[in-house]
Amino acid sequence: MIKRLSELNGIEIKDVNDKQAFKTYGKVLSGYDFSSLIEYMKTTEIPLQNNIYVASCADMEKLPICNTLKNTFYGGMDIEIGYCNGKNSTYNGFEYHKGSEINIAITDMLLVLGHTWDMEDNTYKVEDAEVFFVPKGTAIELYQTTLHLSPCKVSDDGFKAIVILPRGTNNTEFKKDEIISTEDKILLFQNKWVIAHKDREPLVKAGAFIGLVGENKELKY
C-alpha cells in the first residue's frame, strides 16, 4: 500500500516501522496491552464528514491500562485518553505539546509530521513535512518536538485513532494572559501550540496563528 500511495501522491511516504526514518519523530511502542482500548473503539463512529476529537473519555480512562501508562510511560503524571475519528485528507496545519503523545491506529492511516526545530518565526514550509503510514493496530509515541495534527484517511471509510496525552492538553477553556516569547504567540489552547494553513477555516476561526506556508496538500488514496 505504501508504494501505491507514494506513486499516487508523487511523494515518498514512509513507514513508522522504519526505525531509521521515524527515529527523530517518535517510536513504535511494544509491550503494552492496548486491547481493551482497541475494543472500546468499536463503540465509536466515524462522522460522515470532518473529524470528531474527544480529548478525555471517561470510559476509556476507567480501564486498567490508563493507570499502567500513567505510572510507567508518563512517570506518574496524570493523563487523558480519548480518540480522533474522521475523514480528513489535507495537511491543514501543525500542533505540538510539551510531553509525548501516544497514538494507536485503529485503522490504517497517514500522519503528516515535521520538527519544531525547523520552524522559523512561527512558520513552517509544507515542503519540509514528511508523511508516514501507520498500519492498523500500531501504537506509536510522538515526541514533544514532533509537529503533527489530525491523521489522514486511506479509504473512503475514514480513520480511527486513540490519542493519549498529559491531562488537560487541548483544554479550550484555557486563556493565555501574557505573551513573553515568540512561541507564546502560537499557544492556542492548554498545552497546544498551533500553526494553521490560511485555508483551514476552523483553525483560523479558533484563533490559530497562520504559519503553515505553501499548498494545503490533499493526500490521495
N, C-alpha and C. Protein backbone atom coordinates (compact mmCIF):
# COMPACT_ATOMS: atom_id res chain seq x y z
N MET A 1 0.82 -1.21 0.00
CA MET A 1 0.00 0.00 0.00
C MET A 1 0.86 1.27 0.00
N ILE A 2 1.98 1.23 0.72
CA ILE A 2 2.82 2.42 0.82
C ILE A 2 3.35 2.83 -0.56
N LYS A 3 3.78 1.85 -1.33
CA LYS A 3 4.30 2.16 -2.67
C LYS A 3 3.22 2.79 -3.54
N ARG A 4 2.00 2.24 -3.47
CA ARG A 4 0.89 2.77 -4.28
C ARG A 4 0.55 4.19 -3.85
N LEU A 5 0.49 4.44 -2.54
CA LEU A 5 0.17 5.78 -2.03
C LEU A 5 1.26 6.78 -2.41
N SER A 6 2.50 6.34 -2.38
CA SER A 6 3.61 7.22 -2.76
C SER A 6 3.51 7.63 -4.22
N GLU A 7 3.25 6.65 -5.08
CA GLU A 7 3.13 6.94 -6.51
C GLU A 7 1.94 7.83 -6.80
N LEU A 8 0.84 7.58 -6.11
CA LEU A 8 -0.38 8.35 -6.32
C LEU A 8 -0.21 9.82 -5.93
N ASN A 9 0.57 10.05 -4.87
CA ASN A 9 0.73 11.41 -4.35
C ASN A 9 2.01 12.10 -4.80
N GLY A 10 2.86 11.38 -5.50
CA GLY A 10 4.09 11.98 -6.00
C GLY A 10 5.08 12.36 -4.91
N ILE A 11 5.00 11.68 -3.78
CA ILE A 11 5.93 11.92 -2.68
C ILE A 11 6.36 10.56 -2.11
N GLU A 12 7.44 10.58 -1.34
CA GLU A 12 7.85 9.34 -0.67
C GLU A 12 7.13 9.24 0.67
N ILE A 13 6.24 8.28 0.77
CA ILE A 13 5.56 8.03 2.04
C ILE A 13 6.34 6.95 2.78
N LYS A 14 6.66 7.23 4.02
CA LYS A 14 7.50 6.33 4.80
C LYS A 14 6.66 5.53 5.79
N ASP A 15 7.26 4.51 6.36
CA ASP A 15 6.58 3.61 7.29
C ASP A 15 7.08 3.89 8.71
N VAL A 16 6.16 4.01 9.67
CA VAL A 16 6.60 4.24 11.05
C VAL A 16 7.44 3.08 11.57
N ASN A 17 7.31 1.92 10.94
CA ASN A 17 8.11 0.77 11.35
C ASN A 17 9.54 0.81 10.82
N ASP A 18 9.82 1.81 9.97
CA ASP A 18 11.19 2.05 9.52
C ASP A 18 11.87 2.89 10.60
N LYS A 19 12.57 2.22 11.49
CA LYS A 19 13.14 2.88 12.68
C LYS A 19 14.04 4.05 12.31
N GLN A 20 14.82 3.90 11.27
CA GLN A 20 15.75 4.95 10.87
C GLN A 20 14.99 6.18 10.39
N ALA A 21 13.93 5.98 9.61
CA ALA A 21 13.17 7.11 9.06
C ALA A 21 12.36 7.83 10.13
N PHE A 22 11.90 7.07 11.14
CA PHE A 22 10.96 7.61 12.13
C PHE A 22 11.64 8.09 13.41
N LYS A 23 12.93 7.81 13.57
CA LYS A 23 13.57 7.95 14.88
C LYS A 23 13.58 9.37 15.44
N THR A 24 13.54 10.39 14.60
CA THR A 24 13.54 11.75 15.13
C THR A 24 12.13 12.25 15.44
N TYR A 25 11.14 11.52 15.01
CA TYR A 25 9.74 11.90 15.25
C TYR A 25 9.13 11.14 16.43
N GLY A 26 9.54 9.89 16.60
CA GLY A 26 8.96 9.06 17.65
C GLY A 26 9.42 7.63 17.51
N LYS A 27 8.65 6.73 18.10
CA LYS A 27 8.99 5.31 18.01
C LYS A 27 7.74 4.46 18.15
N VAL A 28 7.81 3.25 17.63
CA VAL A 28 6.72 2.29 17.77
C VAL A 28 6.81 1.68 19.17
N LEU A 29 5.66 1.60 19.85
CA LEU A 29 5.62 1.07 21.21
C LEU A 29 5.29 -0.42 21.21
N SER A 30 5.91 -1.14 22.12
CA SER A 30 5.62 -2.56 22.28
C SER A 30 5.57 -2.87 23.77
N GLY A 31 4.96 -3.99 24.11
CA GLY A 31 4.92 -4.43 25.50
C GLY A 31 3.67 -4.04 26.26
N TYR A 32 2.94 -3.06 25.76
CA TYR A 32 1.70 -2.63 26.41
C TYR A 32 0.51 -3.37 25.82
N ASP A 33 -0.44 -3.70 26.66
CA ASP A 33 -1.66 -4.37 26.20
C ASP A 33 -2.76 -3.33 26.00
N PHE A 34 -2.92 -2.90 24.77
CA PHE A 34 -3.92 -1.88 24.44
C PHE A 34 -5.25 -2.49 24.00
N SER A 35 -5.41 -3.79 24.17
CA SER A 35 -6.59 -4.48 23.61
C SER A 35 -7.91 -3.94 24.15
N SER A 36 -7.96 -3.53 25.41
CA SER A 36 -9.21 -3.02 25.98
C SER A 36 -9.59 -1.68 25.34
N LEU A 37 -8.60 -0.85 25.08
CA LEU A 37 -8.87 0.43 24.41
C LEU A 37 -9.31 0.20 22.97
N ILE A 38 -8.64 -0.72 22.31
CA ILE A 38 -8.99 -1.03 20.92
C ILE A 38 -10.41 -1.59 20.84
N GLU A 39 -10.77 -2.42 21.80
CA GLU A 39 -12.12 -2.98 21.84
C GLU A 39 -13.15 -1.87 22.05
N TYR A 40 -12.85 -0.92 22.92
CA TYR A 40 -13.79 0.19 23.17
C TYR A 40 -14.04 1.00 21.90
N MET A 41 -13.02 1.14 21.09
CA MET A 41 -13.15 1.95 19.87
C MET A 41 -14.18 1.41 18.90
N LYS A 42 -14.59 0.15 19.08
CA LYS A 42 -15.66 -0.40 18.25
C LYS A 42 -16.98 0.30 18.51
N THR A 43 -17.11 0.94 19.67
CA THR A 43 -18.35 1.64 20.01
C THR A 43 -18.38 3.07 19.49
N THR A 44 -17.27 3.54 18.94
CA THR A 44 -17.21 4.90 18.42
C THR A 44 -17.46 4.90 16.91
N GLU A 45 -17.91 6.02 16.41
CA GLU A 45 -18.24 6.13 14.99
C GLU A 45 -17.37 7.15 14.29
N ILE A 46 -17.26 6.99 12.99
CA ILE A 46 -16.59 7.97 12.14
C ILE A 46 -17.66 8.89 11.58
N PRO A 47 -17.53 10.21 11.77
CA PRO A 47 -18.55 11.13 11.25
C PRO A 47 -18.61 11.09 9.72
N LEU A 48 -19.73 11.49 9.18
CA LEU A 48 -19.91 11.49 7.73
C LEU A 48 -18.96 12.46 7.04
N GLN A 49 -18.62 13.54 7.75
CA GLN A 49 -17.65 14.48 7.22
C GLN A 49 -16.88 15.13 8.38
N ASN A 50 -15.71 15.66 8.07
CA ASN A 50 -14.85 16.28 9.07
C ASN A 50 -14.39 15.27 10.12
N ASN A 51 -13.92 15.77 11.26
CA ASN A 51 -13.40 14.91 12.32
C ASN A 51 -14.17 15.12 13.62
N ILE A 52 -14.08 14.14 14.49
CA ILE A 52 -14.53 14.31 15.87
C ILE A 52 -13.34 14.00 16.76
N TYR A 53 -13.08 14.89 17.73
CA TYR A 53 -11.98 14.68 18.67
C TYR A 53 -12.52 14.72 20.09
N VAL A 54 -12.31 13.67 20.83
CA VAL A 54 -12.68 13.59 22.24
C VAL A 54 -11.38 13.49 23.02
N ALA A 55 -11.04 14.54 23.76
CA ALA A 55 -9.76 14.58 24.46
C ALA A 55 -9.71 13.61 25.64
N SER A 56 -10.82 13.54 26.36
CA SER A 56 -10.87 12.72 27.57
C SER A 56 -12.16 11.93 27.60
N CYS A 57 -12.05 10.61 27.51
CA CYS A 57 -13.21 9.72 27.51
C CYS A 57 -13.20 8.93 28.82
N ALA A 58 -14.19 9.19 29.66
CA ALA A 58 -14.23 8.57 31.00
C ALA A 58 -14.22 7.05 30.93
N ASP A 59 -14.94 6.48 29.98
CA ASP A 59 -15.00 5.02 29.88
C ASP A 59 -13.63 4.43 29.54
N MET A 60 -12.87 5.11 28.72
CA MET A 60 -11.54 4.63 28.37
C MET A 60 -10.57 4.80 29.54
N GLU A 61 -10.76 5.88 30.28
CA GLU A 61 -9.85 6.16 31.39
C GLU A 61 -10.11 5.29 32.61
N LYS A 62 -11.23 4.58 32.63
CA LYS A 62 -11.53 3.64 33.72
C LYS A 62 -10.81 2.30 33.54
N LEU A 63 -10.30 2.07 32.35
CA LEU A 63 -9.65 0.80 32.05
C LEU A 63 -8.27 0.73 32.72
N PRO A 64 -7.85 -0.46 33.15
CA PRO A 64 -6.57 -0.61 33.86
C PRO A 64 -5.35 -0.07 33.11
N ILE A 65 -5.39 -0.10 31.79
CA ILE A 65 -4.26 0.37 31.00
C ILE A 65 -3.97 1.84 31.27
N CYS A 66 -4.98 2.59 31.69
CA CYS A 66 -4.79 4.02 31.98
C CYS A 66 -3.79 4.20 33.12
N ASN A 67 -4.00 3.48 34.22
CA ASN A 67 -3.07 3.56 35.35
C ASN A 67 -1.70 3.03 34.99
N THR A 68 -1.68 1.98 34.18
CA THR A 68 -0.40 1.42 33.75
C THR A 68 0.43 2.46 33.02
N LEU A 69 -0.20 3.14 32.05
CA LEU A 69 0.51 4.16 31.28
C LEU A 69 0.89 5.35 32.16
N LYS A 70 -0.02 5.74 33.03
CA LYS A 70 0.25 6.86 33.94
C LYS A 70 1.50 6.60 34.77
N ASN A 71 1.62 5.39 35.29
CA ASN A 71 2.68 5.08 36.25
C ASN A 71 3.96 4.54 35.61
N THR A 72 3.92 4.28 34.31
CA THR A 72 5.13 3.81 33.63
C THR A 72 5.55 4.80 32.55
N PHE A 73 4.85 4.80 31.46
CA PHE A 73 5.22 5.64 30.32
C PHE A 73 5.31 7.12 30.69
N TYR A 74 4.34 7.61 31.47
CA TYR A 74 4.29 9.03 31.82
C TYR A 74 4.89 9.33 33.19
N GLY A 75 5.52 8.33 33.82
CA GLY A 75 6.29 8.57 35.03
C GLY A 75 5.49 9.12 36.20
N GLY A 76 4.21 8.76 36.28
CA GLY A 76 3.39 9.21 37.40
C GLY A 76 2.54 10.43 37.10
N MET A 77 2.72 11.03 35.94
CA MET A 77 1.91 12.20 35.57
C MET A 77 0.50 11.76 35.18
N ASP A 78 -0.48 12.60 35.50
CA ASP A 78 -1.86 12.30 35.14
C ASP A 78 -2.03 12.41 33.63
N ILE A 79 -2.89 11.57 33.08
CA ILE A 79 -3.07 11.54 31.63
C ILE A 79 -4.54 11.57 31.25
N GLU A 80 -4.78 11.84 29.99
CA GLU A 80 -6.12 11.74 29.42
C GLU A 80 -6.07 10.79 28.23
N ILE A 81 -7.13 10.02 28.08
CA ILE A 81 -7.24 9.10 26.95
C ILE A 81 -8.51 9.42 26.19
N GLY A 82 -8.38 9.62 24.90
CA GLY A 82 -9.53 9.91 24.05
C GLY A 82 -9.30 9.37 22.66
N TYR A 83 -9.94 9.99 21.69
CA TYR A 83 -9.80 9.48 20.33
C TYR A 83 -10.09 10.57 19.31
N CYS A 84 -9.62 10.33 18.10
CA CYS A 84 -9.91 11.19 16.95
C CYS A 84 -10.34 10.30 15.80
N ASN A 85 -11.56 10.50 15.33
CA ASN A 85 -12.10 9.76 14.19
C ASN A 85 -12.49 10.75 13.11
N GLY A 86 -12.32 10.40 11.85
CA GLY A 86 -12.74 11.36 10.84
C GLY A 86 -12.43 11.00 9.41
N LYS A 87 -12.59 12.04 8.59
CA LYS A 87 -12.45 11.90 7.14
C LYS A 87 -11.38 12.83 6.57
N ASN A 88 -10.53 13.35 7.44
CA ASN A 88 -9.54 14.32 6.98
C ASN A 88 -8.58 13.72 5.95
N SER A 89 -8.17 14.56 4.98
CA SER A 89 -7.19 14.12 3.99
C SER A 89 -6.23 15.25 3.60
N THR A 90 -6.25 16.37 4.33
CA THR A 90 -5.39 17.50 4.00
C THR A 90 -4.46 17.85 5.16
N TYR A 91 -3.39 18.59 4.87
CA TYR A 91 -2.38 18.91 5.88
C TYR A 91 -2.95 19.83 6.96
N ASN A 92 -3.52 20.97 6.57
CA ASN A 92 -4.26 21.91 7.42
C ASN A 92 -3.42 22.75 8.38
N GLY A 93 -2.43 22.18 8.99
CA GLY A 93 -1.63 22.91 9.98
C GLY A 93 -0.83 21.93 10.82
N PHE A 94 -0.25 22.45 11.88
CA PHE A 94 0.52 21.61 12.80
C PHE A 94 0.29 22.05 14.23
N GLU A 95 0.46 21.10 15.14
CA GLU A 95 0.45 21.40 16.57
C GLU A 95 1.57 20.61 17.23
N TYR A 96 1.89 21.02 18.45
CA TYR A 96 2.79 20.22 19.28
C TYR A 96 2.43 20.47 20.74
N HIS A 97 2.91 19.60 21.61
CA HIS A 97 2.60 19.67 23.03
C HIS A 97 3.89 19.53 23.82
N LYS A 98 3.88 19.91 25.09
CA LYS A 98 5.01 19.67 25.98
C LYS A 98 4.73 18.35 26.70
N GLY A 99 5.35 17.29 26.22
CA GLY A 99 5.09 15.94 26.68
C GLY A 99 4.71 15.06 25.50
N SER A 100 5.14 13.81 25.52
CA SER A 100 4.88 12.91 24.39
C SER A 100 3.40 12.58 24.24
N GLU A 101 3.01 12.29 23.02
CA GLU A 101 1.65 11.84 22.69
C GLU A 101 1.73 10.39 22.21
N ILE A 102 0.75 9.60 22.63
CA ILE A 102 0.62 8.23 22.12
C ILE A 102 -0.55 8.18 21.16
N ASN A 103 -0.33 7.64 19.98
CA ASN A 103 -1.39 7.36 19.01
C ASN A 103 -1.47 5.86 18.79
N ILE A 104 -2.68 5.34 18.74
CA ILE A 104 -2.90 3.93 18.39
C ILE A 104 -3.82 3.90 17.19
N ALA A 105 -3.33 3.36 16.09
CA ALA A 105 -4.10 3.33 14.84
C ALA A 105 -5.13 2.20 14.89
N ILE A 106 -6.40 2.56 14.88
CA ILE A 106 -7.47 1.57 14.85
C ILE A 106 -7.74 1.15 13.41
N THR A 107 -7.44 2.06 12.50
CA THR A 107 -7.47 1.78 11.06
C THR A 107 -6.10 2.14 10.50
N ASP A 108 -5.80 1.70 9.30
CA ASP A 108 -4.64 2.24 8.59
C ASP A 108 -4.83 3.75 8.47
N MET A 109 -3.74 4.50 8.55
CA MET A 109 -3.86 5.95 8.42
C MET A 109 -2.51 6.56 8.07
N LEU A 110 -2.53 7.82 7.69
CA LEU A 110 -1.32 8.57 7.39
C LEU A 110 -1.16 9.69 8.41
N LEU A 111 0.09 10.00 8.75
CA LEU A 111 0.40 11.15 9.59
C LEU A 111 1.37 12.06 8.85
N VAL A 112 1.06 13.35 8.84
CA VAL A 112 1.95 14.35 8.27
C VAL A 112 2.76 14.95 9.43
N LEU A 113 4.08 14.84 9.37
CA LEU A 113 4.92 15.21 10.50
C LEU A 113 6.02 16.19 10.13
N GLY A 114 6.44 16.94 11.12
CA GLY A 114 7.56 17.86 10.97
C GLY A 114 8.30 17.97 12.29
N HIS A 115 9.32 18.83 12.33
CA HIS A 115 10.10 19.06 13.55
C HIS A 115 9.95 20.51 14.00
N THR A 116 9.82 20.69 15.30
CA THR A 116 9.70 22.06 15.82
C THR A 116 10.95 22.88 15.50
N TRP A 117 12.11 22.21 15.42
CA TRP A 117 13.35 22.96 15.18
C TRP A 117 13.47 23.47 13.75
N ASP A 118 12.56 23.04 12.88
CA ASP A 118 12.57 23.55 11.50
C ASP A 118 11.62 24.74 11.32
N MET A 119 10.97 25.15 12.40
CA MET A 119 10.12 26.34 12.33
C MET A 119 10.98 27.59 12.43
N GLU A 120 10.61 28.62 11.69
CA GLU A 120 11.29 29.91 11.77
C GLU A 120 10.24 31.00 11.94
N ASP A 121 10.36 31.76 13.02
CA ASP A 121 9.39 32.82 13.32
C ASP A 121 7.96 32.29 13.27
N ASN A 122 7.77 31.15 13.87
CA ASN A 122 6.44 30.51 13.96
C ASN A 122 5.87 30.11 12.60
N THR A 123 6.73 29.89 11.63
CA THR A 123 6.25 29.41 10.33
C THR A 123 6.98 28.13 9.95
N TYR A 124 6.32 27.36 9.10
CA TYR A 124 6.87 26.08 8.65
C TYR A 124 6.44 25.88 7.21
N LYS A 125 7.36 25.38 6.38
CA LYS A 125 7.07 25.17 4.97
C LYS A 125 6.48 23.78 4.74
N VAL A 126 5.37 23.73 4.01
CA VAL A 126 4.73 22.46 3.69
C VAL A 126 5.73 21.48 3.08
N GLU A 127 6.61 21.98 2.26
CA GLU A 127 7.55 21.12 1.53
C GLU A 127 8.53 20.39 2.46
N ASP A 128 8.66 20.86 3.69
CA ASP A 128 9.59 20.23 4.63
C ASP A 128 8.95 19.08 5.41
N ALA A 129 7.64 18.93 5.30
CA ALA A 129 6.94 17.88 6.05
C ALA A 129 7.18 16.51 5.43
N GLU A 130 7.08 15.48 6.26
CA GLU A 130 7.17 14.10 5.80
C GLU A 130 5.88 13.37 6.15
N VAL A 131 5.51 12.41 5.31
CA VAL A 131 4.28 11.66 5.52
C VAL A 131 4.62 10.22 5.87
N PHE A 132 3.98 9.72 6.93
CA PHE A 132 4.22 8.35 7.39
C PHE A 132 2.94 7.53 7.38
N PHE A 133 3.07 6.29 6.97
CA PHE A 133 1.96 5.34 7.01
C PHE A 133 1.99 4.64 8.36
N VAL A 134 0.82 4.61 9.02
CA VAL A 134 0.70 3.92 10.31
C VAL A 134 -0.26 2.76 10.13
N PRO A 135 0.22 1.52 10.16
CA PRO A 135 -0.66 0.37 9.94
C PRO A 135 -1.64 0.17 11.10
N LYS A 136 -2.79 -0.34 10.77
CA LYS A 136 -3.81 -0.68 11.76
C LYS A 136 -3.20 -1.50 12.90
N GLY A 137 -3.53 -1.11 14.14
CA GLY A 137 -3.06 -1.84 15.30
C GLY A 137 -1.73 -1.37 15.85
N THR A 138 -1.10 -0.40 15.19
CA THR A 138 0.21 0.09 15.62
C THR A 138 0.07 1.19 16.66
N ALA A 139 0.85 1.11 17.73
CA ALA A 139 0.90 2.16 18.75
C ALA A 139 2.24 2.88 18.62
N ILE A 140 2.19 4.21 18.60
CA ILE A 140 3.41 4.99 18.45
C ILE A 140 3.49 6.08 19.50
N GLU A 141 4.71 6.42 19.84
CA GLU A 141 4.98 7.62 20.64
C GLU A 141 5.41 8.72 19.69
N LEU A 142 4.81 9.90 19.81
CA LEU A 142 5.26 11.09 19.10
C LEU A 142 5.97 11.98 20.11
N TYR A 143 7.22 12.30 19.86
CA TYR A 143 7.98 13.14 20.78
C TYR A 143 7.40 14.55 20.82
N GLN A 144 7.69 15.28 21.88
CA GLN A 144 7.10 16.61 22.02
C GLN A 144 7.64 17.61 21.00
N THR A 145 8.72 17.27 20.34
CA THR A 145 9.28 18.14 19.30
C THR A 145 8.72 17.81 17.92
N THR A 146 7.74 16.91 17.87
CA THR A 146 7.17 16.50 16.59
C THR A 146 5.92 17.30 16.26
N LEU A 147 5.96 17.98 15.14
CA LEU A 147 4.78 18.68 14.63
C LEU A 147 3.84 17.65 14.03
N HIS A 148 2.57 17.78 14.32
CA HIS A 148 1.57 16.82 13.82
C HIS A 148 0.21 17.49 13.87
N LEU A 149 -0.79 16.83 13.37
CA LEU A 149 -2.18 17.27 13.52
C LEU A 149 -3.04 16.03 13.32
N SER A 150 -4.20 16.20 12.74
CA SER A 150 -5.10 15.07 12.54
C SER A 150 -4.49 14.04 11.59
N PRO A 151 -4.75 12.75 11.83
CA PRO A 151 -4.40 11.74 10.82
C PRO A 151 -5.13 12.01 9.51
N CYS A 152 -4.69 11.36 8.46
CA CYS A 152 -5.37 11.42 7.16
C CYS A 152 -5.84 10.01 6.78
N LYS A 153 -6.97 9.95 6.14
CA LYS A 153 -7.58 8.66 5.78
C LYS A 153 -6.87 8.03 4.59
N VAL A 154 -7.01 6.71 4.49
CA VAL A 154 -6.50 5.98 3.32
C VAL A 154 -7.61 5.15 2.68
N SER A 155 -8.85 5.45 3.07
CA SER A 155 -10.01 4.79 2.46
C SER A 155 -11.22 5.70 2.60
N ASP A 156 -12.26 5.42 1.85
CA ASP A 156 -13.48 6.22 1.93
C ASP A 156 -14.12 6.17 3.31
N ASP A 157 -13.85 5.11 4.05
CA ASP A 157 -14.46 4.95 5.37
C ASP A 157 -13.93 5.95 6.38
N GLY A 158 -12.72 6.46 6.16
CA GLY A 158 -12.13 7.39 7.11
C GLY A 158 -11.14 6.68 8.03
N PHE A 159 -10.83 7.31 9.15
CA PHE A 159 -9.84 6.75 10.07
C PHE A 159 -10.36 6.80 11.51
N LYS A 160 -9.74 5.97 12.34
CA LYS A 160 -9.96 5.99 13.79
C LYS A 160 -8.60 5.90 14.48
N ALA A 161 -8.41 6.72 15.52
CA ALA A 161 -7.15 6.69 16.26
C ALA A 161 -7.39 7.01 17.72
N ILE A 162 -6.72 6.29 18.60
CA ILE A 162 -6.71 6.61 20.02
C ILE A 162 -5.63 7.65 20.27
N VAL A 163 -5.93 8.63 21.14
CA VAL A 163 -4.99 9.71 21.44
C VAL A 163 -4.80 9.80 22.95
N ILE A 164 -3.55 9.71 23.40
CA ILE A 164 -3.23 9.75 24.83
C ILE A 164 -2.22 10.88 25.07
N LEU A 165 -2.53 11.73 26.05
CA LEU A 165 -1.72 12.92 26.30
C LEU A 165 -1.70 13.26 27.79
N PRO A 166 -0.77 14.13 28.23
CA PRO A 166 -0.83 14.64 29.59
C PRO A 166 -2.19 15.31 29.84
N ARG A 167 -2.77 15.09 31.02
CA ARG A 167 -4.12 15.59 31.30
C ARG A 167 -4.19 17.11 31.17
N GLY A 168 -5.27 17.55 30.56
CA GLY A 168 -5.51 18.98 30.36
C GLY A 168 -5.13 19.47 28.99
N THR A 169 -4.34 18.68 28.26
CA THR A 169 -3.94 19.08 26.92
C THR A 169 -5.16 19.28 26.02
N ASN A 170 -5.15 20.37 25.27
CA ASN A 170 -6.23 20.74 24.34
C ASN A 170 -7.45 21.33 25.01
N ASN A 171 -7.37 21.63 26.31
CA ASN A 171 -8.49 22.27 27.01
C ASN A 171 -8.74 23.66 26.40
N THR A 172 -9.92 23.82 25.82
CA THR A 172 -10.24 25.07 25.11
C THR A 172 -10.61 26.21 26.05
N GLU A 173 -10.81 25.90 27.33
CA GLU A 173 -11.18 26.95 28.29
C GLU A 173 -9.95 27.73 28.77
N PHE A 174 -8.78 27.19 28.52
CA PHE A 174 -7.55 27.89 28.91
C PHE A 174 -7.40 29.17 28.10
N LYS A 175 -7.03 30.24 28.78
CA LYS A 175 -6.80 31.52 28.11
C LYS A 175 -5.43 32.05 28.53
N LYS A 176 -4.58 32.31 27.56
CA LYS A 176 -3.27 32.89 27.89
C LYS A 176 -3.47 34.37 28.21
N ASP A 177 -2.75 34.84 29.21
CA ASP A 177 -2.95 36.24 29.62
C ASP A 177 -1.71 37.10 29.42
N GLU A 178 -0.66 36.50 28.88
CA GLU A 178 0.50 37.31 28.55
C GLU A 178 1.35 36.62 27.48
N ILE A 179 2.09 37.43 26.75
CA ILE A 179 2.98 36.92 25.71
C ILE A 179 4.38 37.43 26.01
N ILE A 180 5.28 36.49 26.29
CA ILE A 180 6.65 36.85 26.62
C ILE A 180 7.60 36.47 25.48
N SER A 181 7.44 35.26 24.97
CA SER A 181 8.32 34.78 23.91
C SER A 181 7.58 34.69 22.58
N THR A 182 8.34 34.49 21.52
CA THR A 182 7.74 34.29 20.20
C THR A 182 6.83 33.07 20.20
N GLU A 183 7.24 32.03 20.91
CA GLU A 183 6.45 30.80 20.97
C GLU A 183 5.08 31.04 21.59
N ASP A 184 5.00 31.97 22.54
CA ASP A 184 3.72 32.25 23.21
C ASP A 184 2.64 32.68 22.22
N LYS A 185 3.05 33.25 21.11
CA LYS A 185 2.08 33.74 20.12
C LYS A 185 1.28 32.62 19.48
N ILE A 186 1.81 31.40 19.49
CA ILE A 186 1.11 30.29 18.84
C ILE A 186 0.46 29.33 19.84
N LEU A 187 0.50 29.70 21.13
CA LEU A 187 -0.19 28.90 22.15
C LEU A 187 -1.69 29.17 22.02
N LEU A 188 -2.43 28.16 21.54
CA LEU A 188 -3.85 28.35 21.25
C LEU A 188 -4.73 27.89 22.41
N PHE A 189 -4.54 26.67 22.85
CA PHE A 189 -5.27 26.12 23.98
C PHE A 189 -4.26 25.53 24.98
N GLN A 190 -4.75 24.91 26.02
CA GLN A 190 -3.85 24.39 27.05
C GLN A 190 -2.90 23.34 26.49
N ASN A 191 -1.61 23.59 26.68
CA ASN A 191 -0.56 22.67 26.20
C ASN A 191 -0.73 22.34 24.71
N LYS A 192 -1.13 23.33 23.93
CA LYS A 192 -1.39 23.12 22.50
C LYS A 192 -0.90 24.34 21.72
N TRP A 193 0.28 24.18 21.13
CA TRP A 193 0.84 25.22 20.28
C TRP A 193 0.50 24.89 18.84
N VAL A 194 -0.07 25.85 18.11
CA VAL A 194 -0.65 25.56 16.79
C VAL A 194 -0.25 26.59 15.75
N ILE A 195 0.07 26.08 14.56
CA ILE A 195 0.15 26.94 13.37
C ILE A 195 -0.82 26.37 12.34
N ALA A 196 -1.56 27.26 11.69
CA ALA A 196 -2.59 26.83 10.74
C ALA A 196 -2.24 27.26 9.33
N HIS A 197 -2.76 26.52 8.37
CA HIS A 197 -2.73 26.97 6.97
C HIS A 197 -3.85 27.98 6.79
N LYS A 198 -3.62 28.98 5.99
CA LYS A 198 -4.60 30.05 5.83
C LYS A 198 -5.94 29.55 5.32
N ASP A 199 -5.95 28.41 4.62
CA ASP A 199 -7.19 27.88 4.06
C ASP A 199 -7.96 26.99 5.05
N ARG A 200 -7.38 26.72 6.21
CA ARG A 200 -8.04 25.85 7.19
C ARG A 200 -8.92 26.71 8.10
N GLU A 201 -10.14 26.97 7.63
CA GLU A 201 -11.05 27.91 8.27
C GLU A 201 -11.33 27.62 9.75
N PRO A 202 -11.61 26.36 10.13
CA PRO A 202 -11.91 26.10 11.55
C PRO A 202 -10.77 26.51 12.48
N LEU A 203 -9.53 26.24 12.09
CA LEU A 203 -8.40 26.62 12.92
C LEU A 203 -8.21 28.13 12.96
N VAL A 204 -8.35 28.76 11.81
CA VAL A 204 -8.20 30.21 11.74
C VAL A 204 -9.27 30.90 12.59
N LYS A 205 -10.50 30.42 12.49
CA LYS A 205 -11.60 30.99 13.29
C LYS A 205 -11.37 30.81 14.78
N ALA A 206 -10.70 29.71 15.14
CA ALA A 206 -10.43 29.45 16.56
C ALA A 206 -9.31 30.34 17.10
N GLY A 207 -8.65 31.06 16.20
CA GLY A 207 -7.61 31.98 16.62
C GLY A 207 -6.20 31.47 16.40
N ALA A 208 -6.05 30.40 15.64
CA ALA A 208 -4.72 29.84 15.41
C ALA A 208 -3.87 30.79 14.57
N PHE A 209 -2.60 30.81 14.87
CA PHE A 209 -1.63 31.61 14.13
C PHE A 209 -1.45 31.01 12.74
N ILE A 210 -1.51 31.83 11.70
CA ILE A 210 -1.33 31.34 10.33
C ILE A 210 0.17 31.21 10.07
N GLY A 211 0.64 29.96 10.09
CA GLY A 211 2.08 29.76 9.99
C GLY A 211 2.52 28.61 9.11
N LEU A 212 1.56 27.87 8.53
CA LEU A 212 1.93 26.80 7.59
C LEU A 212 1.92 27.39 6.19
N VAL A 213 3.09 27.44 5.57
CA VAL A 213 3.27 28.15 4.31
C VAL A 213 3.39 27.16 3.15
N GLY A 214 2.62 27.43 2.09
CA GLY A 214 2.64 26.57 0.91
C GLY A 214 1.26 26.04 0.61
N GLU A 215 1.20 25.07 -0.28
CA GLU A 215 -0.08 24.48 -0.67
C GLU A 215 -0.62 23.58 0.44
N ASN A 216 -1.92 23.72 0.72
CA ASN A 216 -2.54 22.82 1.70
C ASN A 216 -2.85 21.50 0.99
N LYS A 217 -1.86 20.64 0.94
CA LYS A 217 -1.95 19.43 0.13
C LYS A 217 -3.04 18.47 0.60
N GLU A 218 -3.62 17.80 -0.38
CA GLU A 218 -4.57 16.72 -0.08
C GLU A 218 -3.91 15.40 -0.43
N LEU A 219 -3.98 14.46 0.49
CA LEU A 219 -3.39 13.14 0.26
C LEU A 219 -4.42 12.21 -0.36
N LYS A 220 -4.07 11.69 -1.53
CA LYS A 220 -4.98 10.81 -2.26
C LYS A 220 -4.76 9.36 -1.85
N TYR A 221 -5.76 8.54 -2.11
CA TYR A 221 -5.65 7.12 -1.78
C TYR A 221 -6.33 6.25 -2.83
